[in-house]
Amino acid sequence: MNKKKRSEILFLFYKKNSNPKIELIFSSDFELLLSVILSAKSTDIMVNKITSTLFKVANTPQGILQLGFNRLRYYIKGIGLYNTKALNIINTAHLIKTKYNNKVPSKRIELESLPGVGRKTANIILNVLFNKKTIAVDTHVFRVANRTGFAKGKNVVEVEKKMIKMVPSIFKKYVHFWFVLHGRYVCTARKLKCKTCLIEKLCEFDKKK
C-alpha cells in the first residue's frame, strides 16, 4: 500500500471518530492497568463485566493484596486464564505498592517488569495514561493492518515497527483504537462487513465480501 492510500485511510478514520476511546471502563490508573491485564485473550465486554463487581470490592494495590489470591480468583473466574491472571495481579499490586509508591509507572521498562504486562499492555498504558504516541498491536490491529495491506508483518512486532514508521505523528495516538474498533465491528475475523466498510475502496484485501 502506498503512502497516499494510508493517509486517506487515516483521514477517513479521523473524520468519523476524531477522539477514539478505549472501551474498557476504569476510574483510576490502577484500574486500567488491571483491566488491560485481564483483557489478554478475552473481550472488553467480559472484562468490564468482571471489573464492575471486582472494583467495588478492591481497586487499589492495598485492596487487591487484602483480597488475596483465592478471593481474587473467585471474582475473576469468569474470564480466561483466571488463575494465572490472579497471580499476576497479586504480584503486580505488591510491586506497585512497595516499589512504585502506589503509582502506575510511566516508563516502558518499568511497566514491562510487572507480572502480566507485556509490550502490548505497556503500549496501551503509555498511550492512554501518559499521552505517549505508542501503537499497541493486538489481534484486531494485526488482522486489519495485514488484511488491508496497510502494514504487513509476520508478527505483532513487525507490524508495530512498520506502523510507527508509516503513521504520521498526529495520528499515532489514535491509530490503535481506530484499528481495534474497525477489527472488532467491521473487519472481523470471519464475517467481514465490506459493503458498509468506511475504507472499502482503499482496502487491498483480495477476498472482499
N, C-alpha and C. Protein backbone atom coordinates (compact mmCIF):
# COMPACT_ATOMS: atom_id res chain seq x y z
N MET A 1 0.84 -1.19 0.00
CA MET A 1 0.00 0.00 0.00
C MET A 1 0.88 1.25 0.00
N ASN A 2 0.52 2.20 -0.84
CA ASN A 2 1.34 3.41 -0.92
C ASN A 2 0.95 4.44 0.15
N LYS A 3 1.79 5.44 0.28
CA LYS A 3 1.63 6.46 1.31
C LYS A 3 0.32 7.22 1.17
N LYS A 4 -0.10 7.49 -0.07
CA LYS A 4 -1.32 8.25 -0.33
C LYS A 4 -2.54 7.50 0.21
N LYS A 5 -2.60 6.21 -0.06
CA LYS A 5 -3.73 5.40 0.42
C LYS A 5 -3.76 5.36 1.94
N ARG A 6 -2.60 5.18 2.55
CA ARG A 6 -2.55 5.14 4.02
C ARG A 6 -3.08 6.45 4.61
N SER A 7 -2.65 7.55 4.02
CA SER A 7 -3.09 8.85 4.51
C SER A 7 -4.59 9.02 4.38
N GLU A 8 -5.15 8.55 3.25
CA GLU A 8 -6.59 8.66 3.02
C GLU A 8 -7.35 7.82 4.05
N ILE A 9 -6.84 6.64 4.35
CA ILE A 9 -7.47 5.77 5.35
C ILE A 9 -7.48 6.44 6.72
N LEU A 10 -6.35 6.99 7.10
CA LEU A 10 -6.26 7.64 8.41
C LEU A 10 -7.16 8.87 8.50
N PHE A 11 -7.26 9.65 7.42
CA PHE A 11 -8.13 10.82 7.42
C PHE A 11 -9.60 10.41 7.51
N LEU A 12 -9.97 9.30 6.87
CA LEU A 12 -11.35 8.82 6.95
C LEU A 12 -11.69 8.39 8.37
N PHE A 13 -10.77 7.67 9.01
CA PHE A 13 -10.99 7.27 10.39
C PHE A 13 -11.09 8.49 11.30
N TYR A 14 -10.22 9.46 11.06
CA TYR A 14 -10.21 10.67 11.88
C TYR A 14 -11.51 11.45 11.70
N LYS A 15 -11.98 11.54 10.46
CA LYS A 15 -13.21 12.28 10.18
C LYS A 15 -14.41 11.64 10.88
N LYS A 16 -14.42 10.32 10.92
CA LYS A 16 -15.52 9.60 11.56
C LYS A 16 -15.43 9.65 13.08
N ASN A 17 -14.22 9.55 13.61
CA ASN A 17 -14.03 9.48 15.06
C ASN A 17 -12.71 10.16 15.42
N SER A 18 -12.78 11.44 15.72
CA SER A 18 -11.57 12.24 15.92
C SER A 18 -10.91 12.02 17.28
N ASN A 19 -11.63 11.42 18.20
CA ASN A 19 -11.07 11.19 19.53
C ASN A 19 -11.53 9.82 20.07
N PRO A 20 -11.04 8.74 19.48
CA PRO A 20 -11.48 7.40 19.89
C PRO A 20 -11.05 7.07 21.31
N LYS A 21 -11.90 6.32 22.01
CA LYS A 21 -11.62 5.97 23.40
C LYS A 21 -11.51 4.45 23.56
N ILE A 22 -10.74 4.04 24.54
CA ILE A 22 -10.67 2.64 24.90
C ILE A 22 -12.02 2.22 25.47
N GLU A 23 -12.44 0.99 25.20
CA GLU A 23 -13.76 0.55 25.64
C GLU A 23 -13.75 -0.08 27.03
N LEU A 24 -12.58 -0.24 27.60
CA LEU A 24 -12.51 -0.70 28.98
C LEU A 24 -12.99 0.41 29.92
N ILE A 25 -13.74 0.04 30.95
CA ILE A 25 -14.28 1.02 31.89
C ILE A 25 -13.39 1.07 33.13
N PHE A 26 -12.88 2.26 33.45
CA PHE A 26 -11.98 2.42 34.60
C PHE A 26 -12.10 3.82 35.16
N SER A 27 -11.72 3.99 36.41
CA SER A 27 -11.79 5.31 37.04
C SER A 27 -10.47 5.71 37.70
N SER A 28 -9.42 4.90 37.50
CA SER A 28 -8.10 5.24 38.02
C SER A 28 -7.04 4.55 37.18
N ASP A 29 -5.81 5.01 37.32
CA ASP A 29 -4.69 4.40 36.58
C ASP A 29 -4.56 2.92 36.93
N PHE A 30 -4.68 2.60 38.20
CA PHE A 30 -4.52 1.21 38.64
C PHE A 30 -5.65 0.33 38.10
N GLU A 31 -6.86 0.86 38.05
CA GLU A 31 -7.97 0.10 37.49
C GLU A 31 -7.73 -0.21 36.02
N LEU A 32 -7.21 0.76 35.26
CA LEU A 32 -6.92 0.49 33.85
C LEU A 32 -5.86 -0.58 33.72
N LEU A 33 -4.81 -0.50 34.52
CA LEU A 33 -3.75 -1.49 34.47
C LEU A 33 -4.31 -2.90 34.69
N LEU A 34 -5.14 -3.07 35.72
CA LEU A 34 -5.73 -4.37 35.99
C LEU A 34 -6.64 -4.81 34.85
N SER A 35 -7.40 -3.88 34.30
CA SER A 35 -8.32 -4.21 33.21
C SER A 35 -7.57 -4.71 31.98
N VAL A 36 -6.46 -4.07 31.67
CA VAL A 36 -5.69 -4.48 30.50
C VAL A 36 -5.03 -5.84 30.73
N ILE A 37 -4.56 -6.08 31.95
CA ILE A 37 -4.01 -7.40 32.28
C ILE A 37 -5.09 -8.47 32.12
N LEU A 38 -6.28 -8.18 32.58
CA LEU A 38 -7.39 -9.13 32.47
C LEU A 38 -7.85 -9.34 31.03
N SER A 39 -7.61 -8.36 30.16
CA SER A 39 -8.13 -8.41 28.79
C SER A 39 -7.39 -9.37 27.87
N ALA A 40 -6.24 -9.88 28.31
CA ALA A 40 -5.48 -10.82 27.47
C ALA A 40 -6.34 -12.04 27.14
N LYS A 41 -6.49 -12.31 25.84
CA LYS A 41 -7.29 -13.44 25.36
C LYS A 41 -8.73 -13.41 25.89
N SER A 42 -9.24 -12.20 26.04
CA SER A 42 -10.62 -12.02 26.46
C SER A 42 -11.18 -10.79 25.77
N THR A 43 -12.46 -10.49 25.99
CA THR A 43 -13.08 -9.33 25.37
C THR A 43 -13.27 -8.20 26.38
N ASP A 44 -13.33 -6.98 25.87
CA ASP A 44 -13.55 -5.84 26.75
C ASP A 44 -14.90 -5.95 27.46
N ILE A 45 -15.89 -6.51 26.77
CA ILE A 45 -17.21 -6.67 27.38
C ILE A 45 -17.12 -7.57 28.61
N MET A 46 -16.42 -8.69 28.48
CA MET A 46 -16.28 -9.61 29.60
C MET A 46 -15.46 -8.98 30.73
N VAL A 47 -14.39 -8.29 30.38
CA VAL A 47 -13.57 -7.63 31.40
C VAL A 47 -14.39 -6.60 32.17
N ASN A 48 -15.16 -5.79 31.45
CA ASN A 48 -15.99 -4.77 32.11
C ASN A 48 -17.02 -5.41 33.04
N LYS A 49 -17.54 -6.55 32.65
CA LYS A 49 -18.50 -7.27 33.49
C LYS A 49 -17.83 -7.73 34.79
N ILE A 50 -16.60 -8.27 34.65
CA ILE A 50 -15.85 -8.75 35.81
C ILE A 50 -15.47 -7.60 36.73
N THR A 51 -14.92 -6.54 36.15
CA THR A 51 -14.41 -5.43 36.97
C THR A 51 -15.52 -4.59 37.60
N SER A 52 -16.71 -4.61 37.03
CA SER A 52 -17.82 -3.86 37.62
C SER A 52 -18.13 -4.37 39.03
N THR A 53 -17.84 -5.65 39.25
CA THR A 53 -18.01 -6.24 40.58
C THR A 53 -16.72 -6.15 41.39
N LEU A 54 -15.61 -6.52 40.76
CA LEU A 54 -14.31 -6.55 41.45
C LEU A 54 -13.93 -5.20 42.03
N PHE A 55 -14.06 -4.14 41.23
CA PHE A 55 -13.60 -2.82 41.65
C PHE A 55 -14.43 -2.23 42.80
N LYS A 56 -15.62 -2.75 43.01
CA LYS A 56 -16.41 -2.32 44.16
C LYS A 56 -15.84 -2.89 45.46
N VAL A 57 -15.12 -4.00 45.32
CA VAL A 57 -14.54 -4.68 46.48
C VAL A 57 -13.08 -4.29 46.68
N ALA A 58 -12.33 -4.20 45.57
CA ALA A 58 -10.90 -3.87 45.65
C ALA A 58 -10.47 -3.21 44.35
N ASN A 59 -9.95 -2.00 44.45
CA ASN A 59 -9.49 -1.30 43.24
C ASN A 59 -8.20 -0.51 43.48
N THR A 60 -7.49 -0.87 44.55
CA THR A 60 -6.18 -0.28 44.85
C THR A 60 -5.20 -1.40 45.11
N PRO A 61 -3.90 -1.12 45.05
CA PRO A 61 -2.93 -2.17 45.36
C PRO A 61 -3.16 -2.81 46.72
N GLN A 62 -3.39 -1.97 47.74
CA GLN A 62 -3.64 -2.49 49.08
C GLN A 62 -4.92 -3.32 49.12
N GLY A 63 -5.94 -2.85 48.44
CA GLY A 63 -7.20 -3.58 48.41
C GLY A 63 -7.07 -4.95 47.78
N ILE A 64 -6.32 -5.02 46.68
CA ILE A 64 -6.09 -6.30 46.00
C ILE A 64 -5.30 -7.25 46.90
N LEU A 65 -4.28 -6.74 47.57
CA LEU A 65 -3.48 -7.57 48.46
C LEU A 65 -4.30 -8.07 49.65
N GLN A 66 -5.18 -7.24 50.16
CA GLN A 66 -6.04 -7.67 51.26
C GLN A 66 -7.07 -8.70 50.79
N LEU A 67 -7.50 -8.56 49.57
CA LEU A 67 -8.44 -9.53 49.00
C LEU A 67 -7.81 -10.92 48.94
N GLY A 68 -6.55 -10.95 48.52
CA GLY A 68 -5.82 -12.21 48.48
C GLY A 68 -6.07 -13.02 47.22
N PHE A 69 -5.20 -13.98 46.98
CA PHE A 69 -5.23 -14.76 45.75
C PHE A 69 -6.53 -15.54 45.56
N ASN A 70 -6.96 -16.27 46.57
CA ASN A 70 -8.13 -17.13 46.42
C ASN A 70 -9.42 -16.34 46.20
N ARG A 71 -9.61 -15.25 46.93
CA ARG A 71 -10.81 -14.45 46.74
C ARG A 71 -10.77 -13.70 45.41
N LEU A 72 -9.57 -13.28 44.99
CA LEU A 72 -9.44 -12.63 43.69
C LEU A 72 -9.82 -13.60 42.58
N ARG A 73 -9.37 -14.84 42.71
CA ARG A 73 -9.72 -15.88 41.74
C ARG A 73 -11.24 -16.01 41.61
N TYR A 74 -11.91 -15.93 42.72
CA TYR A 74 -13.37 -16.06 42.72
C TYR A 74 -14.02 -14.93 41.90
N TYR A 75 -13.52 -13.72 42.07
CA TYR A 75 -14.13 -12.58 41.37
C TYR A 75 -13.84 -12.57 39.87
N ILE A 76 -12.72 -13.18 39.44
CA ILE A 76 -12.38 -13.14 38.02
C ILE A 76 -12.50 -14.49 37.34
N LYS A 77 -13.14 -15.45 37.99
CA LYS A 77 -13.19 -16.82 37.46
C LYS A 77 -13.97 -16.94 36.15
N GLY A 78 -14.75 -15.93 35.81
CA GLY A 78 -15.49 -15.97 34.55
C GLY A 78 -14.65 -15.62 33.34
N ILE A 79 -13.39 -15.31 33.55
CA ILE A 79 -12.50 -14.89 32.47
C ILE A 79 -11.45 -15.94 32.21
N GLY A 80 -10.95 -16.01 30.99
CA GLY A 80 -9.94 -16.99 30.64
C GLY A 80 -8.62 -16.79 31.38
N LEU A 81 -7.94 -17.90 31.68
CA LEU A 81 -6.63 -17.88 32.34
C LEU A 81 -6.70 -17.18 33.70
N TYR A 82 -7.81 -17.33 34.41
CA TYR A 82 -8.01 -16.56 35.63
C TYR A 82 -7.02 -16.89 36.74
N ASN A 83 -6.53 -18.14 36.79
CA ASN A 83 -5.54 -18.48 37.82
C ASN A 83 -4.24 -17.71 37.61
N THR A 84 -3.76 -17.73 36.37
CA THR A 84 -2.52 -17.01 36.05
C THR A 84 -2.69 -15.51 36.23
N LYS A 85 -3.83 -15.00 35.77
CA LYS A 85 -4.08 -13.57 35.88
C LYS A 85 -4.19 -13.13 37.34
N ALA A 86 -4.81 -13.97 38.17
CA ALA A 86 -4.94 -13.64 39.60
C ALA A 86 -3.56 -13.53 40.24
N LEU A 87 -2.69 -14.48 39.93
CA LEU A 87 -1.33 -14.46 40.48
C LEU A 87 -0.57 -13.23 39.99
N ASN A 88 -0.68 -12.93 38.70
CA ASN A 88 -0.01 -11.75 38.15
C ASN A 88 -0.51 -10.47 38.80
N ILE A 89 -1.81 -10.37 39.00
CA ILE A 89 -2.38 -9.16 39.59
C ILE A 89 -1.94 -8.98 41.04
N ILE A 90 -1.89 -10.08 41.80
CA ILE A 90 -1.42 -10.01 43.19
C ILE A 90 0.03 -9.53 43.22
N ASN A 91 0.87 -10.12 42.37
CA ASN A 91 2.29 -9.75 42.35
C ASN A 91 2.50 -8.32 41.83
N THR A 92 1.70 -7.93 40.85
CA THR A 92 1.78 -6.56 40.33
C THR A 92 1.35 -5.55 41.39
N ALA A 93 0.28 -5.85 42.11
CA ALA A 93 -0.20 -4.97 43.18
C ALA A 93 0.89 -4.78 44.24
N HIS A 94 1.59 -5.87 44.57
CA HIS A 94 2.67 -5.80 45.56
C HIS A 94 3.78 -4.86 45.08
N LEU A 95 4.16 -4.99 43.81
CA LEU A 95 5.23 -4.14 43.27
C LEU A 95 4.80 -2.67 43.18
N ILE A 96 3.56 -2.44 42.74
CA ILE A 96 3.05 -1.07 42.66
C ILE A 96 3.07 -0.42 44.04
N LYS A 97 2.70 -1.18 45.04
CA LYS A 97 2.64 -0.65 46.41
C LYS A 97 4.03 -0.42 47.01
N THR A 98 4.91 -1.39 46.86
CA THR A 98 6.19 -1.34 47.56
C THR A 98 7.29 -0.63 46.77
N LYS A 99 7.25 -0.77 45.46
CA LYS A 99 8.34 -0.22 44.64
C LYS A 99 7.99 1.11 43.99
N TYR A 100 6.71 1.31 43.68
CA TYR A 100 6.32 2.50 42.92
C TYR A 100 5.37 3.42 43.69
N ASN A 101 5.34 3.27 45.02
CA ASN A 101 4.59 4.19 45.87
C ASN A 101 3.12 4.32 45.45
N ASN A 102 2.53 3.17 45.11
CA ASN A 102 1.11 3.08 44.73
C ASN A 102 0.76 3.80 43.43
N LYS A 103 1.77 4.08 42.63
CA LYS A 103 1.52 4.75 41.35
C LYS A 103 1.93 3.84 40.18
N VAL A 104 1.13 3.83 39.12
CA VAL A 104 1.47 3.07 37.92
C VAL A 104 2.66 3.75 37.26
N PRO A 105 3.76 3.02 37.02
CA PRO A 105 4.95 3.64 36.43
C PRO A 105 4.70 4.13 35.01
N SER A 106 5.46 5.14 34.61
CA SER A 106 5.25 5.76 33.31
C SER A 106 6.33 5.41 32.28
N LYS A 107 7.25 4.53 32.65
CA LYS A 107 8.32 4.13 31.73
C LYS A 107 8.09 2.69 31.27
N ARG A 108 8.37 2.44 29.99
CA ARG A 108 8.14 1.12 29.41
C ARG A 108 8.88 0.02 30.16
N ILE A 109 10.15 0.23 30.45
CA ILE A 109 10.93 -0.81 31.10
C ILE A 109 10.35 -1.17 32.46
N GLU A 110 9.81 -0.18 33.16
CA GLU A 110 9.19 -0.44 34.47
C GLU A 110 7.86 -1.16 34.31
N LEU A 111 7.08 -0.74 33.34
CA LEU A 111 5.80 -1.39 33.10
C LEU A 111 5.99 -2.86 32.72
N GLU A 112 6.92 -3.11 31.82
CA GLU A 112 7.12 -4.47 31.34
C GLU A 112 7.78 -5.37 32.38
N SER A 113 8.24 -4.79 33.48
CA SER A 113 8.78 -5.60 34.58
C SER A 113 7.66 -6.12 35.49
N LEU A 114 6.44 -5.60 35.30
CA LEU A 114 5.31 -6.02 36.13
C LEU A 114 4.75 -7.34 35.61
N PRO A 115 4.42 -8.28 36.48
CA PRO A 115 3.86 -9.56 36.06
C PRO A 115 2.56 -9.37 35.28
N GLY A 116 2.46 -10.02 34.13
CA GLY A 116 1.26 -9.92 33.31
C GLY A 116 1.25 -8.76 32.35
N VAL A 117 2.32 -7.96 32.37
CA VAL A 117 2.41 -6.80 31.48
C VAL A 117 3.45 -7.06 30.40
N GLY A 118 2.98 -7.18 29.17
CA GLY A 118 3.87 -7.34 28.03
C GLY A 118 3.94 -6.06 27.22
N ARG A 119 4.48 -6.15 26.04
CA ARG A 119 4.66 -4.96 25.21
C ARG A 119 3.32 -4.31 24.83
N LYS A 120 2.33 -5.14 24.47
CA LYS A 120 1.03 -4.59 24.08
C LYS A 120 0.39 -3.84 25.24
N THR A 121 0.38 -4.46 26.42
CA THR A 121 -0.20 -3.82 27.60
C THR A 121 0.53 -2.52 27.93
N ALA A 122 1.85 -2.57 27.88
CA ALA A 122 2.65 -1.36 28.17
C ALA A 122 2.32 -0.24 27.19
N ASN A 123 2.17 -0.59 25.92
CA ASN A 123 1.84 0.42 24.91
C ASN A 123 0.49 1.08 25.18
N ILE A 124 -0.49 0.28 25.60
CA ILE A 124 -1.81 0.82 25.90
C ILE A 124 -1.73 1.76 27.10
N ILE A 125 -1.04 1.34 28.16
CA ILE A 125 -0.90 2.17 29.36
C ILE A 125 -0.18 3.47 29.03
N LEU A 126 0.90 3.39 28.29
CA LEU A 126 1.67 4.58 27.92
C LEU A 126 0.83 5.53 27.08
N ASN A 127 0.02 4.98 26.19
CA ASN A 127 -0.82 5.79 25.31
C ASN A 127 -1.96 6.45 26.06
N VAL A 128 -2.72 5.66 26.80
CA VAL A 128 -3.94 6.16 27.45
C VAL A 128 -3.63 7.03 28.67
N LEU A 129 -2.72 6.58 29.52
CA LEU A 129 -2.47 7.29 30.77
C LEU A 129 -1.43 8.40 30.65
N PHE A 130 -0.45 8.18 29.77
CA PHE A 130 0.68 9.12 29.74
C PHE A 130 0.85 9.84 28.40
N ASN A 131 -0.18 9.73 27.55
CA ASN A 131 -0.19 10.50 26.29
C ASN A 131 0.97 10.20 25.35
N LYS A 132 1.55 9.04 25.46
CA LYS A 132 2.65 8.67 24.57
C LYS A 132 2.09 8.20 23.22
N LYS A 133 2.82 8.45 22.16
CA LYS A 133 2.36 8.08 20.82
C LYS A 133 2.81 6.67 20.47
N THR A 134 2.40 5.74 21.31
CA THR A 134 2.71 4.33 21.09
C THR A 134 1.58 3.68 20.31
N ILE A 135 1.88 2.58 19.65
CA ILE A 135 0.87 1.85 18.89
C ILE A 135 0.86 0.40 19.36
N ALA A 136 -0.17 0.05 20.10
CA ALA A 136 -0.31 -1.33 20.59
C ALA A 136 -0.90 -2.19 19.48
N VAL A 137 -0.28 -3.32 19.21
CA VAL A 137 -0.77 -4.21 18.17
C VAL A 137 -1.34 -5.47 18.82
N ASP A 138 -2.67 -5.53 18.86
CA ASP A 138 -3.33 -6.74 19.36
C ASP A 138 -3.84 -7.54 18.17
N THR A 139 -4.70 -8.53 18.40
CA THR A 139 -5.16 -9.37 17.29
C THR A 139 -5.96 -8.58 16.26
N HIS A 140 -6.75 -7.60 16.71
CA HIS A 140 -7.54 -6.79 15.78
C HIS A 140 -6.64 -5.92 14.91
N VAL A 141 -5.71 -5.23 15.53
CA VAL A 141 -4.80 -4.35 14.79
C VAL A 141 -3.96 -5.17 13.82
N PHE A 142 -3.46 -6.32 14.28
CA PHE A 142 -2.64 -7.19 13.44
C PHE A 142 -3.43 -7.66 12.21
N ARG A 143 -4.68 -8.06 12.42
CA ARG A 143 -5.52 -8.55 11.32
C ARG A 143 -5.83 -7.44 10.33
N VAL A 144 -6.27 -6.30 10.81
CA VAL A 144 -6.66 -5.20 9.93
C VAL A 144 -5.45 -4.67 9.15
N ALA A 145 -4.33 -4.51 9.84
CA ALA A 145 -3.12 -3.99 9.18
C ALA A 145 -2.66 -4.91 8.06
N ASN A 146 -2.69 -6.22 8.30
CA ASN A 146 -2.27 -7.19 7.29
C ASN A 146 -3.30 -7.35 6.19
N ARG A 147 -4.57 -7.49 6.58
CA ARG A 147 -5.62 -7.75 5.59
C ARG A 147 -5.79 -6.60 4.61
N THR A 148 -5.77 -5.38 5.11
CA THR A 148 -5.97 -4.22 4.23
C THR A 148 -4.73 -3.89 3.41
N GLY A 149 -3.57 -4.37 3.89
CA GLY A 149 -2.31 -4.03 3.23
C GLY A 149 -1.67 -2.79 3.81
N PHE A 150 -2.28 -2.25 4.86
CA PHE A 150 -1.76 -1.02 5.47
C PHE A 150 -0.35 -1.21 6.00
N ALA A 151 -0.12 -2.31 6.71
CA ALA A 151 1.22 -2.62 7.25
C ALA A 151 1.30 -4.13 7.44
N LYS A 152 1.94 -4.79 6.53
CA LYS A 152 2.02 -6.25 6.59
C LYS A 152 3.23 -6.70 7.42
N GLY A 153 3.02 -7.75 8.20
CA GLY A 153 4.12 -8.29 9.00
C GLY A 153 3.78 -9.69 9.47
N LYS A 154 4.81 -10.48 9.74
CA LYS A 154 4.60 -11.86 10.16
C LYS A 154 4.24 -11.97 11.65
N ASN A 155 4.55 -10.93 12.40
CA ASN A 155 4.24 -10.94 13.83
C ASN A 155 3.90 -9.52 14.29
N VAL A 156 3.43 -9.41 15.53
CA VAL A 156 2.97 -8.11 16.03
C VAL A 156 4.09 -7.07 16.11
N VAL A 157 5.29 -7.51 16.39
CA VAL A 157 6.41 -6.57 16.50
C VAL A 157 6.72 -5.96 15.13
N GLU A 158 6.70 -6.80 14.08
CA GLU A 158 6.94 -6.30 12.72
C GLU A 158 5.88 -5.26 12.34
N VAL A 159 4.63 -5.58 12.62
CA VAL A 159 3.54 -4.67 12.28
C VAL A 159 3.66 -3.38 13.07
N GLU A 160 3.99 -3.48 14.35
CA GLU A 160 4.15 -2.28 15.18
C GLU A 160 5.25 -1.38 14.63
N LYS A 161 6.39 -1.96 14.30
CA LYS A 161 7.51 -1.17 13.78
C LYS A 161 7.14 -0.46 12.48
N LYS A 162 6.42 -1.17 11.62
CA LYS A 162 6.02 -0.57 10.35
C LYS A 162 5.03 0.57 10.57
N MET A 163 4.08 0.35 11.48
CA MET A 163 3.08 1.39 11.73
C MET A 163 3.70 2.62 12.38
N ILE A 164 4.63 2.40 13.30
CA ILE A 164 5.34 3.52 13.93
C ILE A 164 6.05 4.36 12.87
N LYS A 165 6.61 3.69 11.88
CA LYS A 165 7.35 4.36 10.81
C LYS A 165 6.41 5.05 9.82
N MET A 166 5.28 4.41 9.53
CA MET A 166 4.41 4.89 8.46
C MET A 166 3.35 5.89 8.90
N VAL A 167 2.87 5.78 10.12
CA VAL A 167 1.77 6.64 10.59
C VAL A 167 2.30 8.00 11.00
N PRO A 168 1.75 9.08 10.44
CA PRO A 168 2.18 10.43 10.83
C PRO A 168 1.98 10.67 12.32
N SER A 169 2.81 11.51 12.89
CA SER A 169 2.81 11.75 14.33
C SER A 169 1.43 12.16 14.86
N ILE A 170 0.69 12.96 14.09
CA ILE A 170 -0.60 13.48 14.57
C ILE A 170 -1.64 12.36 14.75
N PHE A 171 -1.40 11.22 14.11
CA PHE A 171 -2.37 10.12 14.20
C PHE A 171 -1.91 8.96 15.09
N LYS A 172 -0.66 9.00 15.53
CA LYS A 172 -0.11 7.86 16.27
C LYS A 172 -0.89 7.54 17.55
N LYS A 173 -1.37 8.55 18.22
CA LYS A 173 -2.08 8.33 19.49
C LYS A 173 -3.42 7.62 19.29
N TYR A 174 -3.99 7.76 18.10
CA TYR A 174 -5.34 7.25 17.86
C TYR A 174 -5.41 5.99 17.01
N VAL A 175 -4.38 5.71 16.24
CA VAL A 175 -4.48 4.65 15.23
C VAL A 175 -4.79 3.27 15.83
N HIS A 176 -4.26 2.99 17.01
CA HIS A 176 -4.54 1.70 17.65
C HIS A 176 -6.04 1.54 17.85
N PHE A 177 -6.70 2.56 18.37
CA PHE A 177 -8.12 2.47 18.67
C PHE A 177 -8.97 2.41 17.40
N TRP A 178 -8.57 3.15 16.38
CA TRP A 178 -9.29 3.07 15.10
C TRP A 178 -9.26 1.65 14.54
N PHE A 179 -8.08 1.04 14.56
CA PHE A 179 -7.93 -0.31 14.01
C PHE A 179 -8.63 -1.35 14.89
N VAL A 180 -8.57 -1.15 16.19
CA VAL A 180 -9.27 -2.08 17.10
C VAL A 180 -10.77 -2.04 16.84
N LEU A 181 -11.34 -0.85 16.80
CA LEU A 181 -12.78 -0.70 16.59
C LEU A 181 -13.18 -1.23 15.22
N HIS A 182 -12.35 -0.98 14.22
CA HIS A 182 -12.64 -1.46 12.87
C HIS A 182 -12.59 -2.99 12.82
N GLY A 183 -11.60 -3.55 13.48
CA GLY A 183 -11.46 -5.01 13.52
C GLY A 183 -12.53 -5.68 14.36
N ARG A 184 -13.00 -4.99 15.37
CA ARG A 184 -13.99 -5.55 16.29
C ARG A 184 -15.41 -5.52 15.70
N TYR A 185 -15.72 -4.47 14.91
CA TYR A 185 -17.10 -4.29 14.46
C TYR A 185 -17.30 -4.36 12.94
N VAL A 186 -16.24 -4.23 12.16
CA VAL A 186 -16.40 -4.22 10.70
C VAL A 186 -15.55 -5.29 10.03
N CYS A 187 -14.25 -5.17 10.19
CA CYS A 187 -13.31 -6.11 9.56
C CYS A 187 -13.02 -7.26 10.53
N THR A 188 -14.06 -8.00 10.85
CA THR A 188 -13.96 -9.05 11.85
C THR A 188 -13.24 -10.28 11.30
N ALA A 189 -12.92 -11.20 12.18
CA ALA A 189 -12.14 -12.37 11.78
C ALA A 189 -12.85 -13.22 10.73
N ARG A 190 -14.18 -13.35 10.86
CA ARG A 190 -14.90 -14.25 9.95
C ARG A 190 -15.95 -13.55 9.10
N LYS A 191 -16.82 -12.79 9.72
CA LYS A 191 -17.91 -12.15 8.98
C LYS A 191 -17.57 -10.71 8.64
N LEU A 192 -16.89 -10.54 7.51
CA LEU A 192 -16.49 -9.21 7.08
C LEU A 192 -17.70 -8.41 6.61
N LYS A 193 -17.70 -7.11 6.94
CA LYS A 193 -18.80 -6.24 6.54
C LYS A 193 -18.31 -5.22 5.52
N CYS A 194 -17.80 -5.74 4.41
CA CYS A 194 -17.15 -4.90 3.41
C CYS A 194 -18.11 -3.90 2.77
N LYS A 195 -19.39 -4.27 2.64
CA LYS A 195 -20.35 -3.38 1.99
C LYS A 195 -20.59 -2.09 2.78
N THR A 196 -20.37 -2.16 4.06
CA THR A 196 -20.56 -0.95 4.89
C THR A 196 -19.24 -0.41 5.43
N CYS A 197 -18.14 -0.90 4.89
CA CYS A 197 -16.81 -0.51 5.37
C CYS A 197 -16.43 0.89 4.91
N LEU A 198 -15.96 1.67 5.83
CA LEU A 198 -15.55 3.05 5.57
C LEU A 198 -14.40 3.14 4.58
N ILE A 199 -13.51 2.16 4.61
CA ILE A 199 -12.30 2.22 3.79
C ILE A 199 -12.29 1.16 2.69
N GLU A 200 -13.45 0.64 2.32
CA GLU A 200 -13.54 -0.47 1.37
C GLU A 200 -12.84 -0.16 0.04
N LYS A 201 -12.98 1.04 -0.46
CA LYS A 201 -12.38 1.39 -1.75
C LYS A 201 -10.86 1.51 -1.68
N LEU A 202 -10.33 1.69 -0.48
CA LEU A 202 -8.88 1.84 -0.32
C LEU A 202 -8.21 0.53 0.11
N CYS A 203 -9.00 -0.36 0.66
CA CYS A 203 -8.50 -1.64 1.15
C CYS A 203 -7.97 -2.51 0.01
N GLU A 204 -6.86 -3.20 0.24
CA GLU A 204 -6.24 -4.03 -0.79
C GLU A 204 -6.45 -5.53 -0.56
N PHE A 205 -7.40 -5.87 0.30
CA PHE A 205 -7.71 -7.27 0.55
C PHE A 205 -8.32 -7.89 -0.70
N ASP A 206 -7.79 -9.02 -1.12
CA ASP A 206 -8.23 -9.62 -2.40
C ASP A 206 -9.43 -10.55 -2.27
N LYS A 207 -9.98 -10.65 -1.04
CA LYS A 207 -11.14 -11.52 -0.84
C LYS A 207 -12.28 -10.74 -0.17
N LYS A 208 -12.51 -9.54 -0.66
CA LYS A 208 -13.58 -8.73 -0.11
C LYS A 208 -14.94 -9.39 -0.33
N LYS A 209 -15.83 -9.19 0.62
CA LYS A 209 -17.17 -9.75 0.52
C LYS A 209 -18.04 -8.84 -0.36
